Amino acid sequence: MSATERLDLKLSSSDKQLFVMAAALEGISVAAFVRSAAKQRATEAIQRDRAVSLSTRDYEAFHTALAQPFRPNEALQESMREVQARVKRV
């Protein structure tokens, strides 16, 4: 890893002691420990934000909708007729 960016932060003495102890137990530097922990939390937060959670009822409704054959409504059919009328086939 070629780290070029810096992130400075202030923390309490007890937090620093906690990080130092945990890093020592892991056999890595405090910087590596904090970087790894922060990266893991950031990844989890982003994944939670991107995930879609559905109740059982909503999942079943979604699954049923996907399983049904697609049938365009009247508005879509009208739009397709308009497009077909305007598009010149070569």
PDB file of N, CA and C in Angstrom:
ATOM      1  N   MET A   1       0.846  -1.180   0.000  1.00  0.00           N
ATOM      2  CA  MET A   1       0.000   0.000   0.000  1.00  0.00           C
ATOM      3  C   MET A   1       0.884   1.233   0.000  1.00  0.00           C
ATOM      4  N   SER A   2       0.567   2.150  -0.849  1.00  0.00           N
ATOM      5  CA  SER A   2       1.305   3.401  -0.915  1.00  0.00           C
ATOM      6  C   SER A   2       0.399   4.513  -0.408  1.00  0.00           C
ATOM      7  N   ALA A   3       0.511   4.803   0.883  1.00  0.00           N
ATOM      8  CA  ALA A   3      -0.340   5.825   1.487  1.00  0.00           C
ATOM      9  C   ALA A   3       0.236   7.201   1.213  1.00  0.00           C
ATOM     10  N   THR A   4      -0.593   8.074   0.660  1.00  0.00           N
ATOM     11  CA  THR A   4      -0.140   9.438   0.380  1.00  0.00           C
ATOM     12  C   THR A   4      -0.988  10.484   1.089  1.00  0.00           C
ATOM     13  N   GLU A   5      -2.157  10.103   1.556  1.00  0.00           N
ATOM     14  CA  GLU A   5      -3.061  11.043   2.214  1.00  0.00           C
ATOM     15  C   GLU A   5      -2.920  10.935   3.726  1.00  0.00           C
ATOM     16  N   ARG A   6      -3.220  12.048   4.412  1.00  0.00           N
ATOM     17  CA  ARG A   6      -3.165  12.063   5.875  1.00  0.00           C
ATOM     18  C   ARG A   6      -4.555  12.330   6.424  1.00  0.00           C
ATOM     19  N   LEU A   7      -4.790  11.795   7.608  1.00  0.00           N
ATOM     20  CA  LEU A   7      -6.023  12.054   8.336  1.00  0.00           C
ATOM     21  C   LEU A   7      -5.629  12.270   9.788  1.00  0.00           C
ATOM     22  N   ASP A   8      -5.728  13.505  10.233  1.00  0.00           N
ATOM     23  CA  ASP A   8      -5.363  13.835  11.609  1.00  0.00           C
ATOM     24  C   ASP A   8      -6.622  13.894  12.452  1.00  0.00           C
ATOM     25  N   LEU A   9      -6.544  13.331  13.661  1.00  0.00           N
ATOM     26  CA  LEU A   9      -7.680  13.404  14.554  1.00  0.00           C
ATOM     27  C   LEU A   9      -7.213  13.466  15.998  1.00  0.00           C
ATOM     28  N   LYS A  10      -8.039  14.083  16.809  1.00  0.00           N
ATOM     29  CA  LYS A  10      -7.755  14.145  18.238  1.00  0.00           C
ATOM     30  C   LYS A  10      -8.626  13.106  18.910  1.00  0.00           C
ATOM     31  N   LEU A  11      -8.067  12.469  19.947  1.00  0.00           N
ATOM     32  CA  LEU A  11      -8.829  11.495  20.695  1.00  0.00           C
ATOM     33  C   LEU A  11      -8.424  11.521  22.153  1.00  0.00           C
ATOM     34  N   SER A  12      -9.262  10.950  22.964  1.00  0.00           N
ATOM     35  CA  SER A  12      -8.985  10.949  24.400  1.00  0.00           C
ATOM     36  C   SER A  12      -7.837   9.997  24.707  1.00  0.00           C
ATOM     37  N   SER A  13      -7.256  10.202  25.858  1.00  0.00           N
ATOM     38  CA  SER A  13      -6.157   9.343  26.304  1.00  0.00           C
ATOM     39  C   SER A  13      -6.622   7.898  26.422  1.00  0.00           C
ATOM     40  N   SER A  14      -7.838   7.714  26.919  1.00  0.00           N
ATOM     41  CA  SER A  14      -8.343   6.343  27.078  1.00  0.00           C
ATOM     42  C   SER A  14      -8.573   5.676  25.722  1.00  0.00           C
ATOM     43  N   ASP A  15      -9.045   6.434  24.729  1.00  0.00           N
ATOM     44  CA  ASP A  15      -9.207   5.867  23.387  1.00  0.00           C
ATOM     45  C   ASP A  15      -7.855   5.467  22.815  1.00  0.00           C
ATOM     46  N   LYS A  16      -6.854   6.335  22.990  1.00  0.00           N
ATOM     47  CA  LYS A  16      -5.526   6.020  22.467  1.00  0.00           C
ATOM     48  C   LYS A  16      -4.975   4.769  23.134  1.00  0.00           C
ATOM     49  N   GLN A  17      -5.130   4.666  24.444  1.00  0.00           N
ATOM     50  CA  GLN A  17      -4.650   3.476  25.155  1.00  0.00           C
ATOM     51  C   GLN A  17      -5.360   2.221  24.639  1.00  0.00           C
ATOM     52  N   LEU A  18      -6.640   2.340  24.393  1.00  0.00           N
ATOM     53  CA  LEU A  18      -7.413   1.221  23.855  1.00  0.00           C
ATOM     54  C   LEU A  18      -6.869   0.789  22.497  1.00  0.00           C
ATOM     55  N   PHE A  19      -6.604   1.763  21.622  1.00  0.00           N
ATOM     56  CA  PHE A  19      -6.081   1.454  20.288  1.00  0.00           C
ATOM     57  C   PHE A  19      -4.682   0.859  20.364  1.00  0.00           C
ATOM     58  N   VAL A  20      -3.851   1.402  21.243  1.00  0.00           N
ATOM     59  CA  VAL A  20      -2.483   0.892  21.405  1.00  0.00           C
ATOM     60  C   VAL A  20      -2.528  -0.558  21.865  1.00  0.00           C
ATOM     61  N   MET A  21      -3.374  -0.849  22.854  1.00  0.00           N
ATOM     62  CA  MET A  21      -3.468  -2.210  23.376  1.00  0.00           C
ATOM     63  C   MET A  21      -3.983  -3.173  22.312  1.00  0.00           C
ATOM     64  N   ALA A  22      -5.019  -2.763  21.603  1.00  0.00           N
ATOM     65  CA  ALA A  22      -5.587  -3.628  20.568  1.00  0.00           C
ATOM     66  C   ALA A  22      -4.589  -3.867  19.442  1.00  0.00           C
ATOM     67  N   ALA A  23      -3.880  -2.826  19.039  1.00  0.00           N
ATOM     68  CA  ALA A  23      -2.877  -2.971  17.978  1.00  0.00           C
ATOM     69  C   ALA A  23      -1.778  -3.927  18.415  1.00  0.00           C
ATOM     70  N   ALA A  24      -1.348  -3.811  19.671  1.00  0.00           N
ATOM     71  CA  ALA A  24      -0.304  -4.705  20.187  1.00  0.00           C
ATOM     72  C   ALA A  24      -0.793  -6.153  20.174  1.00  0.00           C
ATOM     73  N   LEU A  25      -2.037  -6.368  20.567  1.00  0.00           N
ATOM     74  CA  LEU A  25      -2.588  -7.724  20.552  1.00  0.00           C
ATOM     75  C   LEU A  25      -2.652  -8.295  19.140  1.00  0.00           C
ATOM     76  N   GLU A  26      -2.891  -7.424  18.173  1.00  0.00           N
ATOM     77  CA  GLU A  26      -2.950  -7.847  16.769  1.00  0.00           C
ATOM     78  C   GLU A  26      -1.565  -7.943  16.138  1.00  0.00           C
ATOM     79  N   GLY A  27      -0.569  -7.378  16.806  1.00  0.00           N
ATOM     80  CA  GLY A  27       0.792  -7.405  16.270  1.00  0.00           C
ATOM     81  C   GLY A  27       1.003  -6.441  15.118  1.00  0.00           C
ATOM     82  N   ILE A  28       0.268  -5.336  15.128  1.00  0.00           N
ATOM     83  CA  ILE A  28       0.409  -4.341  14.068  1.00  0.00           C
ATOM     84  C   ILE A  28       0.561  -2.961  14.693  1.00  0.00           C
ATOM     85  N   SER A  29       0.921  -1.994  13.868  1.00  0.00           N
ATOM     86  CA  SER A  29       1.068  -0.629  14.368  1.00  0.00           C
ATOM     87  C   SER A  29      -0.306  -0.044  14.696  1.00  0.00           C
ATOM     88  N   VAL A  30      -0.295   0.988  15.533  1.00  0.00           N
ATOM     89  CA  VAL A  30      -1.547   1.666  15.869  1.00  0.00           C
ATOM     90  C   VAL A  30      -2.171   2.252  14.603  1.00  0.00           C
ATOM     91  N   ALA A  31      -1.347   2.843  13.749  1.00  0.00           N
ATOM     92  CA  ALA A  31      -1.860   3.422  12.503  1.00  0.00           C
ATOM     93  C   ALA A  31      -2.532   2.353  11.645  1.00  0.00           C
ATOM     94  N   ALA A  32      -1.885   1.190  11.537  1.00  0.00           N
ATOM     95  CA  ALA A  32      -2.464   0.107  10.735  1.00  0.00           C
ATOM     96  C   ALA A  32      -3.766  -0.389  11.357  1.00  0.00           C
ATOM     97  N   PHE A  33      -3.792  -0.465  12.690  1.00  0.00           N
ATOM     98  CA  PHE A  33      -5.004  -0.914  13.371  1.00  0.00           C
ATOM     99  C   PHE A  33      -6.158   0.055  13.131  1.00  0.00           C
ATOM    100  N   VAL A  34      -5.899   1.343  13.346  1.00  0.00           N
ATOM    101  CA  VAL A  34      -6.949   2.354  13.175  1.00  0.00           C
ATOM    102  C   VAL A  34      -7.404   2.403  11.720  1.00  0.00           C
ATOM    103  N   ARG A  35      -6.453   2.346  10.784  1.00  0.00           N
ATOM    104  CA  ARG A  35      -6.795   2.367   9.356  1.00  0.00           C
ATOM    105  C   ARG A  35      -7.688   1.169   9.004  1.00  0.00           C
ATOM    106  N   SER A  36      -7.316  -0.013   9.483  1.00  0.00           N
ATOM    107  CA  SER A  36      -8.077  -1.221   9.192  1.00  0.00           C
ATOM    108  C   SER A  36      -9.479  -1.161   9.790  1.00  0.00           C
ATOM    109  N   ALA A  37      -9.572  -0.730  11.049  1.00  0.00           N
ATOM    110  CA  ALA A  37     -10.875  -0.648  11.717  1.00  0.00           C
ATOM    111  C   ALA A  37     -11.770   0.387  11.042  1.00  0.00           C
ATOM    112  N   ALA A  38     -11.208   1.533  10.706  1.00  0.00           N
ATOM    113  CA  ALA A  38     -11.993   2.590  10.059  1.00  0.00           C
ATOM    114  C   ALA A  38     -12.454   2.146   8.671  1.00  0.00           C
ATOM    115  N   LYS A  39     -11.576   1.476   7.940  1.00  0.00           N
ATOM    116  CA  LYS A  39     -11.934   1.009   6.602  1.00  0.00           C
ATOM    117  C   LYS A  39     -13.057  -0.024   6.675  1.00  0.00           C
ATOM    118  N   GLN A  40     -12.965  -0.926   7.652  1.00  0.00           N
ATOM    119  CA  GLN A  40     -14.007  -1.937   7.811  1.00  0.00           C
ATOM    120  C   GLN A  40     -15.347  -1.288   8.136  1.00  0.00           C
ATOM    121  N   ARG A  41     -15.365  -0.350   9.062  1.00  0.00           N
ATOM    122  CA  ARG A  41     -16.616   0.329   9.432  1.00  0.00           C
ATOM    123  C   ARG A  41     -17.179   1.120   8.257  1.00  0.00           C
ATOM    124  N   ALA A  42     -16.302   1.774   7.494  1.00  0.00           N
ATOM    125  CA  ALA A  42     -16.758   2.549   6.336  1.00  0.00           C
ATOM    126  C   ALA A  42     -17.394   1.630   5.294  1.00  0.00           C
ATOM    127  N   THR A  43     -16.754   0.500   5.040  1.00  0.00           N
ATOM    128  CA  THR A  43     -17.282  -0.461   4.074  1.00  0.00           C
ATOM    129  C   THR A  43     -18.639  -0.985   4.520  1.00  0.00           C
ATOM    130  N   GLU A  44     -18.763  -1.309   5.810  1.00  0.00           N
ATOM    131  CA  GLU A  44     -20.036  -1.804   6.338  1.00  0.00           C
ATOM    132  C   GLU A  44     -21.131  -0.748   6.219  1.00  0.00           C
ATOM    133  N   ALA A  45     -20.803   0.501   6.517  1.00  0.00           N
ATOM    134  CA  ALA A  45     -21.793   1.578   6.435  1.00  0.00           C
ATOM    135  C   ALA A  45     -22.283   1.755   5.004  1.00  0.00           C
ATOM    136  N   ILE A  46     -21.370   1.702   4.052  1.00  0.00           N
ATOM    137  CA  ILE A  46     -21.737   1.858   2.640  1.00  0.00           C
ATOM    138  C   ILE A  46     -22.581   0.677   2.181  1.00  0.00           C
ATOM    139  N   GLN A  47     -22.200  -0.535   2.593  1.00  0.00           N
ATOM    140  CA  GLN A  47     -22.979  -1.714   2.204  1.00  0.00           C
ATOM    141  C   GLN A  47     -24.385  -1.669   2.794  1.00  0.00           C
ATOM    142  N   ARG A  48     -24.515  -1.233   4.049  1.00  0.00           N
ATOM    143  CA  ARG A  48     -25.837  -1.107   4.664  1.00  0.00           C
ATOM    144  C   ARG A  48     -26.697  -0.107   3.901  1.00  0.00           C
ATOM    145  N   ASP A  49     -26.068   0.981   3.460  1.00  0.00           N
ATOM    146  CA  ASP A  49     -26.807   2.005   2.732  1.00  0.00           C
ATOM    147  C   ASP A  49     -27.285   1.492   1.381  1.00  0.00           C
ATOM    148  N   ARG A  50     -26.498   0.641   0.758  1.00  0.00           N
ATOM    149  CA  ARG A  50     -26.835   0.143  -0.577  1.00  0.00           C
ATOM    150  C   ARG A  50     -27.759  -1.064  -0.554  1.00  0.00           C
ATOM    151  N   ALA A  51     -27.866  -1.719   0.579  1.00  0.00           N
ATOM    152  CA  ALA A  51     -28.684  -2.926   0.678  1.00  0.00           C
ATOM    153  C   ALA A  51     -30.163  -2.561   0.710  1.00  0.00           C
ATOM    154  N   VAL A  52     -30.952  -3.433   0.151  1.00  0.00           N
ATOM    155  CA  VAL A  52     -32.397  -3.260   0.176  1.00  0.00           C
ATOM    156  C   VAL A  52     -32.962  -4.302   1.136  1.00  0.00           C
ATOM    157  N   SER A  53     -33.686  -3.850   2.123  1.00  0.00           N
ATOM    158  CA  SER A  53     -34.305  -4.762   3.087  1.00  0.00           C
ATOM    159  C   SER A  53     -35.810  -4.732   2.889  1.00  0.00           C
ATOM    160  N   LEU A  54     -36.378  -5.912   2.772  1.00  0.00           N
ATOM    161  CA  LEU A  54     -37.820  -6.017   2.572  1.00  0.00           C
ATOM    162  C   LEU A  54     -38.424  -6.901   3.655  1.00  0.00           C
ATOM    163  N   SER A  55     -39.626  -6.566   4.047  1.00  0.00           N
ATOM    164  CA  SER A  55     -40.365  -7.455   4.945  1.00  0.00           C
ATOM    165  C   SER A  55     -40.745  -8.699   4.144  1.00  0.00           C
ATOM    166  N   THR A  56     -41.172  -9.738   4.833  1.00  0.00           N
ATOM    167  CA  THR A  56     -41.592 -10.961   4.144  1.00  0.00           C
ATOM    168  C   THR A  56     -42.730 -10.666   3.174  1.00  0.00           C
ATOM    169  N   ARG A  57     -43.679  -9.855   3.611  1.00  0.00           N
ATOM    170  CA  ARG A  57     -44.819  -9.501   2.753  1.00  0.00           C
ATOM    171  C   ARG A  57     -44.349  -8.747   1.508  1.00  0.00           C
ATOM    172  N   ASP A  58     -43.448  -7.770   1.694  1.00  0.00           N
ATOM    173  CA  ASP A  58     -42.952  -6.992   0.556  1.00  0.00           C
ATOM    174  C   ASP A  58     -42.109  -7.853  -0.378  1.00  0.00           C
ATOM    175  N   TYR A  59     -41.302  -8.761   0.198  1.00  0.00           N
ATOM    176  CA  TYR A  59     -40.497  -9.656  -0.628  1.00  0.00           C
ATOM    177  C   TYR A  59     -41.409 -10.526  -1.493  1.00  0.00           C
ATOM    178  N   GLU A  60     -42.452 -11.072  -0.892  1.00  0.00           N
ATOM    179  CA  GLU A  60     -43.369 -11.930  -1.647  1.00  0.00           C
ATOM    180  C   GLU A  60     -44.065 -11.152  -2.765  1.00  0.00           C
ATOM    181  N   ALA A  61     -44.448  -9.918  -2.486  1.00  0.00           N
ATOM    182  CA  ALA A  61     -45.082  -9.086  -3.518  1.00  0.00           C
ATOM    183  C   ALA A  61     -44.096  -8.792  -4.647  1.00  0.00           C
ATOM    184  N   PHE A  62     -42.858  -8.482  -4.290  1.00  0.00           N
ATOM    185  CA  PHE A  62     -41.820  -8.204  -5.286  1.00  0.00           C
ATOM    186  C   PHE A  62     -41.557  -9.452  -6.129  1.00  0.00           C
ATOM    187  N   HIS A  63     -41.408 -10.585  -5.469  1.00  0.00           N
ATOM    188  CA  HIS A  63     -41.140 -11.843  -6.167  1.00  0.00           C
ATOM    189  C   HIS A  63     -42.292 -12.200  -7.103  1.00  0.00           C
ATOM    190  N   THR A  64     -43.511 -12.029  -6.646  1.00  0.00           N
ATOM    191  CA  THR A  64     -44.689 -12.307  -7.474  1.00  0.00           C
ATOM    192  C   THR A  64     -44.715 -11.397  -8.702  1.00  0.00           C
ATOM    193  N   ALA A  65     -44.406 -10.126  -8.493  1.00  0.00           N
ATOM    194  CA  ALA A  65     -44.394  -9.179  -9.619  1.00  0.00           C
ATOM    195  C   ALA A  65     -43.347  -9.571 -10.652  1.00  0.00           C
ATOM    196  N   LEU A  66     -42.182 -10.026 -10.194  1.00  0.00           N
ATOM    197  CA  LEU A  66     -41.135 -10.437 -11.135  1.00  0.00           C
ATOM    198  C   LEU A  66     -41.508 -11.715 -11.874  1.00  0.00           C
ATOM    199  N   ALA A  67     -42.248 -12.586 -11.217  1.00  0.00           N
ATOM    200  CA  ALA A  67     -42.600 -13.872 -11.815  1.00  0.00           C
ATOM    201  C   ALA A  67     -43.699 -13.739 -12.868  1.00  0.00           C
ATOM    202  N   GLN A  68     -44.463 -12.661 -12.815  1.00  0.00           N
ATOM    203  CA  GLN A  68     -45.561 -12.462 -13.761  1.00  0.00           C
ATOM    204  C   GLN A  68     -45.015 -11.990 -15.106  1.00  0.00           C
ATOM    205  N   PRO A  69     -45.626 -12.443 -16.202  1.00  0.00           N
ATOM    206  CA  PRO A  69     -45.187 -11.929 -17.504  1.00  0.00           C
ATOM    207  C   PRO A  69     -45.488 -10.431 -17.602  1.00  0.00           C
ATOM    208  N   PHE A  70     -44.622  -9.731 -18.297  1.00  0.00           N
ATOM    209  CA  PHE A  70     -44.783  -8.285 -18.442  1.00  0.00           C
ATOM    210  C   PHE A  70     -45.918  -7.984 -19.401  1.00  0.00           C
ATOM    211  N   ARG A  71     -46.795  -7.089 -18.974  1.00  0.00           N
ATOM    212  CA  ARG A  71     -47.893  -6.637 -19.834  1.00  0.00           C
ATOM    213  C   ARG A  71     -47.908  -5.116 -19.794  1.00  0.00           C
ATOM    214  N   PRO A  72     -47.571  -4.483 -20.912  1.00  0.00           N
ATOM    215  CA  PRO A  72     -47.551  -3.016 -20.922  1.00  0.00           C
ATOM    216  C   PRO A  72     -48.954  -2.442 -20.746  1.00  0.00           C
ATOM    217  N   ASN A  73     -49.022  -1.363 -19.983  1.00  0.00           N
ATOM    218  CA  ASN A  73     -50.324  -0.706 -19.800  1.00  0.00           C
ATOM    219  C   ASN A  73     -50.646   0.137 -21.038  1.00  0.00           C
ATOM    220  N   GLU A  74     -51.819   0.716 -21.043  1.00  0.00           N
ATOM    221  CA  GLU A  74     -52.288   1.468 -22.218  1.00  0.00           C
ATOM    222  C   GLU A  74     -51.381   2.658 -22.533  1.00  0.00           C
ATOM    223  N   ALA A  75     -50.904   3.354 -21.500  1.00  0.00           N
ATOM    224  CA  ALA A  75     -50.040   4.522 -21.723  1.00  0.00           C
ATOM    225  C   ALA A  75     -48.745   4.106 -22.413  1.00  0.00           C
ATOM    226  N   LEU A  76     -48.166   2.993 -22.006  1.00  0.00           N
ATOM    227  CA  LEU A  76     -46.935   2.518 -22.637  1.00  0.00           C
ATOM    228  C   LEU A  76     -47.208   2.067 -24.068  1.00  0.00           C
ATOM    229  N   GLN A  77     -48.313   1.398 -24.272  1.00  0.00           N
ATOM    230  CA  GLN A  77     -48.658   0.964 -25.629  1.00  0.00           C
ATOM    231  C   GLN A  77     -48.840   2.165 -26.556  1.00  0.00           C
ATOM    232  N   GLU A  78     -49.479   3.213 -26.042  1.00  0.00           N
ATOM    233  CA  GLU A  78     -49.672   4.424 -26.839  1.00  0.00           C
ATOM    234  C   GLU A  78     -48.328   5.070 -27.167  1.00  0.00           C
ATOM    235  N   SER A  79     -47.438   5.125 -26.190  1.00  0.00           N
ATOM    236  CA  SER A  79     -46.103   5.693 -26.417  1.00  0.00           C
ATOM    237  C   SER A  79     -45.350   4.908 -27.475  1.00  0.00           C
ATOM    238  N   MET A  80     -45.454   3.590 -27.432  1.00  0.00           N
ATOM    239  CA  MET A  80     -44.773   2.762 -28.424  1.00  0.00           C
ATOM    240  C   MET A  80     -45.354   2.988 -29.821  1.00  0.00           C
ATOM    241  N   ARG A  81     -46.657   3.166 -29.898  1.00  0.00           N
ATOM    242  CA  ARG A  81     -47.269   3.451 -31.209  1.00  0.00           C
ATOM    243  C   ARG A  81     -46.752   4.779 -31.761  1.00  0.00           C
ATOM    244  N   GLU A  82     -46.629   5.782 -30.874  1.00  0.00           N
ATOM    245  CA  GLU A  82     -46.114   7.087 -31.306  1.00  0.00           C
ATOM    246  C   GLU A  82     -44.670   6.974 -31.786  1.00  0.00           C
ATOM    247  N   VAL A  83     -43.862   6.234 -31.068  1.00  0.00           N
ATOM    248  CA  VAL A  83     -42.463   6.057 -31.467  1.00  0.00           C
ATOM    249  C   VAL A  83     -42.391   5.344 -32.804  1.00  0.00           C
ATOM    250  N   GLN A  84     -43.158   4.288 -32.962  1.00  0.00           N
ATOM    251  CA  GLN A  84     -43.136   3.535 -34.212  1.00  0.00           C
ATOM    252  C   GLN A  84     -43.592   4.393 -35.387  1.00  0.00           C
ATOM    253  N   ALA A  85     -44.529   5.295 -35.144  1.00  0.00           N
ATOM    254  CA  ALA A  85     -45.009   6.175 -36.210  1.00  0.00           C
ATOM    255  C   ALA A  85     -43.945   7.198 -36.599  1.00  0.00           C
ATOM    256  N   ARG A  86     -43.105   7.598 -35.658  1.00  0.00           N
ATOM    257  CA  ARG A  86     -42.093   8.625 -35.921  1.00  0.00           C
ATOM    258  C   ARG A  86     -40.772   8.065 -36.444  1.00  0.00           C
ATOM    259  N   VAL A  87     -40.484   6.826 -36.118  1.00  0.00           N
ATOM    260  CA  VAL A  87     -39.200   6.237 -36.502  1.00  0.00           C
ATOM    261  C   VAL A  87     -39.306   5.689 -37.919  1.00  0.00           C
ATOM    262  N   LYS A  88     -38.373   6.110 -38.737  1.00  0.00           N
ATOM    263  CA  LYS A  88     -38.359   5.648 -40.118  1.00  0.00           C
ATOM    264  C   LYS A  88     -37.412   4.455 -40.200  1.00  0.00           C
ATOM    265  N   ARG A  89     -37.919   3.353 -40.662  1.00  0.00           N
ATOM    266  CA  ARG A  89     -37.099   2.144 -40.794  1.00  0.00           C
ATOM    267  C   ARG A  89     -36.402   2.177 -42.153  1.00  0.00           C
ATOM    268  N   VAL A  90     -35.140   1.841 -42.142  1.00  0.00           N
ATOM    269  CA  VAL A  90     -34.347   1.880 -43.364  1.00  0.00           C
ATOM    270  C   VAL A  90     -34.140   0.492 -43.902  1.00  0.00           C
TER     271      VAL A  90
END
